[in-house]
Amino acid sequence: MKILLTGCSSGLGKALHDLLRHNHDVHSLSRNDLDLSDANSVVNYQVAIYDMVIHCAGTGIGGKLPFNNHCTQAVKDIVSTNLLAPVLLTNKLLQQNPDCKVVCVTSTNNKHYYPNDLAYSLSKASLSVFLKMLAVDHPQLKYLEIQLGLTKTEFNNNRYKKDMDRFVDIYQYPHLDATYVAEQINQVLFNNHIKFIEISP
């Protein structure tokens, strides 16, 4: 199977790439290949024909602030990377292959909003709604939403990399290992009857 995977530089994306590449043709997009925060770059990106896309990339750089203190550029980058890029890429991929399976990694934060993370939480909740609407437009669509709980990756370090004085270690709380999550995803990824899974600590 030919798979397009975003967010493969580290964390869950890398773990998925390392697992899937043994049995599938995986084209992994890192931030060096395509800047998902730049809508023009995404619009101009030439996609091939894929059997599946896994939207795994996510960012929260500059987050964990009350919304009125959030840098406007950071809000744009978070929403563009986490929501607009998957929407645009999915549009291009389905034009190339209407049978392409669409897989989105969202967040268990969708069930309960925790304060001072509005841009990130909005982007993940909206990605979930996008997938549901897409399935209405295309009743035969193959899709899977993976609602993921706290998983240890570089996400938290990256979130504060421009302001390390604000760093908070969220991994003091129960969390998942990225390799374990990738293995759990692999167990259901190719079962087209499963449309939603939640993986929590």
Protein backbone atom coordinates (compact mmCIF):
# COMPACT_ATOMS: atom_id res chain seq x y z
CA MET A 1 0.00 0.00 0.00
CA LYS A 2 1.22 3.51 -0.83
CA ILE A 3 0.89 5.78 2.22
CA LEU A 4 1.48 9.51 2.71
CA LEU A 5 2.44 10.28 6.33
CA THR A 6 2.91 13.76 7.78
CA GLY A 7 4.82 14.69 10.92
CA CYS A 8 7.49 12.02 10.67
CA SER A 9 10.43 14.03 12.09
CA SER A 10 9.95 12.61 15.57
CA GLY A 11 7.43 11.18 18.01
CA LEU A 12 4.39 9.28 16.79
CA GLY A 13 4.99 10.08 13.12
CA LYS A 14 8.49 8.62 13.24
CA ALA A 15 7.28 5.57 15.18
CA LEU A 16 4.55 4.97 12.58
CA HIS A 17 7.02 5.38 9.73
CA ASP A 18 9.45 2.91 11.30
CA LEU A 19 6.64 0.38 11.77
CA LEU A 20 4.82 0.74 8.46
CA ARG A 21 7.80 0.98 6.12
CA HIS A 22 8.52 -2.75 6.44
CA ASN A 23 5.33 -3.74 4.61
CA HIS A 24 4.25 -0.59 2.77
CA ASP A 25 5.55 2.15 0.50
CA VAL A 26 5.55 5.05 2.98
CA HIS A 27 6.22 8.59 1.77
CA SER A 28 6.92 10.56 4.94
CA LEU A 29 6.64 14.34 4.92
CA SER A 30 8.78 16.13 7.48
CA ARG A 31 8.88 19.87 8.03
CA ASN A 32 12.00 19.92 5.84
CA ASP A 33 9.98 18.51 2.93
CA LEU A 34 6.91 20.73 3.27
CA ASP A 35 6.10 23.61 5.61
CA LEU A 36 2.56 22.75 6.66
CA SER A 37 2.16 26.15 8.31
CA ASP A 38 2.47 27.81 4.87
CA ALA A 39 -0.83 27.40 3.06
CA ASN A 40 0.65 28.50 -0.27
CA SER A 41 3.31 25.79 -0.07
CA VAL A 42 0.65 23.19 0.68
CA VAL A 43 -1.56 24.40 -2.20
CA ASN A 44 1.38 24.18 -4.61
CA TYR A 45 2.61 20.80 -3.35
CA GLN A 46 2.32 18.15 -6.04
CA VAL A 47 0.78 14.99 -4.63
CA ALA A 48 1.03 11.57 -6.20
CA ILE A 49 -1.67 8.88 -6.07
CA TYR A 50 -1.84 7.35 -2.58
CA ASP A 51 -3.94 4.61 -1.05
CA MET A 52 -3.90 6.27 2.38
CA VAL A 53 -2.95 9.52 4.05
CA ILE A 54 -2.16 9.73 7.76
CA HIS A 55 -2.38 13.29 9.09
CA CYS A 56 -0.09 12.95 12.09
CA ALA A 57 1.70 16.32 12.11
CA GLY A 58 0.82 18.67 14.94
CA THR A 59 2.23 21.75 16.58
CA GLY A 60 1.50 23.85 19.64
CA ILE A 61 4.51 26.19 19.47
CA GLY A 62 3.83 29.29 21.51
CA GLY A 63 0.74 27.74 23.11
CA LYS A 64 -0.39 27.30 26.71
CA LEU A 65 -1.34 30.96 27.07
CA PRO A 66 -4.60 32.82 27.57
CA PHE A 67 -5.86 33.55 24.07
CA ASN A 68 -5.43 37.31 24.32
CA ASN A 69 -1.74 36.78 25.14
CA HIS A 70 -1.21 34.37 22.26
CA CYS A 71 1.05 35.62 19.45
CA THR A 72 -1.05 36.07 16.29
CA GLN A 73 1.59 34.39 14.14
CA ALA A 74 1.67 31.39 16.47
CA VAL A 75 -2.13 31.08 16.26
CA LYS A 76 -1.90 31.14 12.46
CA ASP A 77 0.88 28.54 12.39
CA ILE A 78 -0.92 26.17 14.77
CA VAL A 79 -4.25 26.32 12.93
CA SER A 80 -2.56 26.12 9.53
CA THR A 81 -0.43 23.10 10.46
CA ASN A 82 -3.03 21.15 12.43
CA LEU A 83 -6.17 21.92 10.43
CA LEU A 84 -5.77 23.82 7.16
CA ALA A 85 -2.90 21.69 5.83
CA PRO A 86 -4.77 18.38 6.36
CA VAL A 87 -7.89 19.87 4.73
CA LEU A 88 -5.95 21.09 1.70
CA LEU A 89 -3.91 17.91 1.33
CA THR A 90 -7.00 15.72 1.63
CA ASN A 91 -8.71 17.74 -1.08
CA LYS A 92 -5.76 17.21 -3.42
CA LEU A 93 -5.38 13.53 -2.57
CA LEU A 94 -9.07 12.70 -3.07
CA GLN A 95 -8.97 14.44 -6.43
CA GLN A 96 -6.16 12.09 -7.41
CA ASN A 97 -7.76 9.01 -5.83
CA PRO A 98 -11.33 9.13 -4.44
CA ASP A 99 -10.62 5.76 -2.80
CA CYS A 100 -7.76 7.13 -0.68
CA LYS A 101 -8.27 6.37 3.02
CA VAL A 102 -8.08 9.47 5.24
CA VAL A 103 -6.66 9.05 8.74
CA CYS A 104 -6.55 11.95 11.20
CA VAL A 105 -4.86 12.04 14.59
CA THR A 106 -6.93 14.24 16.88
CA SER A 107 -6.90 14.66 20.65
CA THR A 108 -8.80 13.46 23.70
CA ASN A 109 -8.86 17.18 24.57
CA ASN A 110 -11.77 17.25 22.12
CA LYS A 111 -13.94 15.83 24.92
CA HIS A 112 -12.99 18.51 27.43
CA TYR A 113 -11.29 21.85 26.82
CA TYR A 114 -8.42 22.55 29.18
CA PRO A 115 -7.73 26.29 29.55
CA ASN A 116 -5.02 28.28 27.79
CA ASP A 117 -4.70 26.00 24.79
CA LEU A 118 -7.37 27.44 22.52
CA ALA A 119 -5.59 27.45 19.14
CA TYR A 120 -4.34 23.87 19.47
CA SER A 121 -7.60 22.49 20.90
CA LEU A 122 -9.66 24.33 18.29
CA SER A 123 -7.55 22.91 15.48
CA LYS A 124 -7.87 19.31 16.73
CA ALA A 125 -11.61 19.57 17.44
CA SER A 126 -12.16 21.10 14.00
CA LEU A 127 -10.14 18.33 12.37
CA SER A 128 -12.53 15.81 13.91
CA VAL A 129 -15.54 17.74 12.57
CA PHE A 130 -13.88 17.97 9.13
CA LEU A 131 -13.60 14.20 8.97
CA LYS A 132 -17.27 13.74 9.91
CA MET A 133 -18.40 16.28 7.29
CA LEU A 134 -16.15 14.70 4.68
CA ALA A 135 -17.79 11.35 5.33
CA VAL A 136 -21.22 12.94 4.72
CA ASP A 137 -20.05 14.40 1.40
CA HIS A 138 -18.50 11.07 0.44
CA PRO A 139 -20.56 8.20 1.93
CA GLN A 140 -18.13 5.59 0.58
CA LEU A 141 -15.11 7.34 2.13
CA LYS A 142 -12.65 5.17 4.00
CA TYR A 143 -11.56 7.07 7.08
CA LEU A 144 -10.31 6.72 10.64
CA GLU A 145 -10.12 9.19 13.50
CA ILE A 146 -7.51 8.41 16.14
CA GLN A 147 -8.33 10.37 19.28
CA LEU A 148 -5.05 10.34 21.16
CA GLY A 149 -4.32 10.96 24.82
CA LEU A 150 -1.10 12.37 26.25
CA THR A 151 1.83 10.74 24.46
CA LYS A 152 5.49 11.46 25.14
CA THR A 153 7.08 13.08 22.08
CA GLU A 154 9.03 16.26 21.33
CA PHE A 155 5.72 18.16 21.15
CA ASN A 156 5.99 19.66 24.63
CA ASN A 157 9.63 20.70 24.24
CA ASN A 158 8.81 22.29 20.89
CA ARG A 159 5.83 24.12 22.36
CA TYR A 160 8.12 26.17 24.61
CA LYS A 161 11.24 26.34 22.45
CA LYS A 162 10.81 30.07 21.87
CA ASP A 163 10.13 30.75 25.55
CA MET A 164 11.72 28.08 27.75
CA ASP A 165 11.13 30.16 30.88
CA ARG A 166 7.49 29.06 30.69
CA PHE A 167 8.30 25.35 30.33
CA VAL A 168 5.94 22.98 32.14
CA ASP A 169 6.64 19.23 32.17
CA ILE A 170 3.31 17.66 31.25
CA TYR A 171 4.86 14.19 31.21
CA GLN A 172 4.77 14.07 34.99
CA TYR A 173 1.19 12.94 34.38
CA PRO A 174 0.23 9.47 33.05
CA HIS A 175 1.19 9.27 29.40
CA LEU A 176 1.71 6.90 26.50
CA ASP A 177 4.83 5.78 24.67
CA ALA A 178 4.91 6.67 20.95
CA THR A 179 6.03 3.19 19.88
CA TYR A 180 3.17 1.59 21.83
CA VAL A 181 0.69 4.00 20.22
CA ALA A 182 2.01 3.23 16.74
CA GLU A 183 1.53 -0.51 17.41
CA GLN A 184 -2.05 0.08 18.59
CA ILE A 185 -2.81 2.15 15.49
CA ASN A 186 -1.32 -0.50 13.21
CA GLN A 187 -3.76 -3.07 14.61
CA VAL A 188 -6.78 -1.14 13.25
CA LEU A 189 -5.32 1.00 10.47
CA PHE A 190 -6.27 -1.33 7.63
CA ASN A 191 -9.67 -2.37 8.98
CA ASN A 192 -12.09 -0.18 7.03
CA HIS A 193 -15.00 -1.05 9.34
CA ILE A 194 -13.37 0.84 12.23
CA LYS A 195 -13.95 4.59 11.93
CA PHE A 196 -12.85 5.79 15.36
CA ILE A 197 -10.48 4.73 18.12
CA GLU A 198 -9.41 6.37 21.34
CA ILE A 199 -5.98 5.62 22.80
CA SER A 200 -5.51 6.97 26.32
CA PRO A 201 -3.02 6.42 29.15
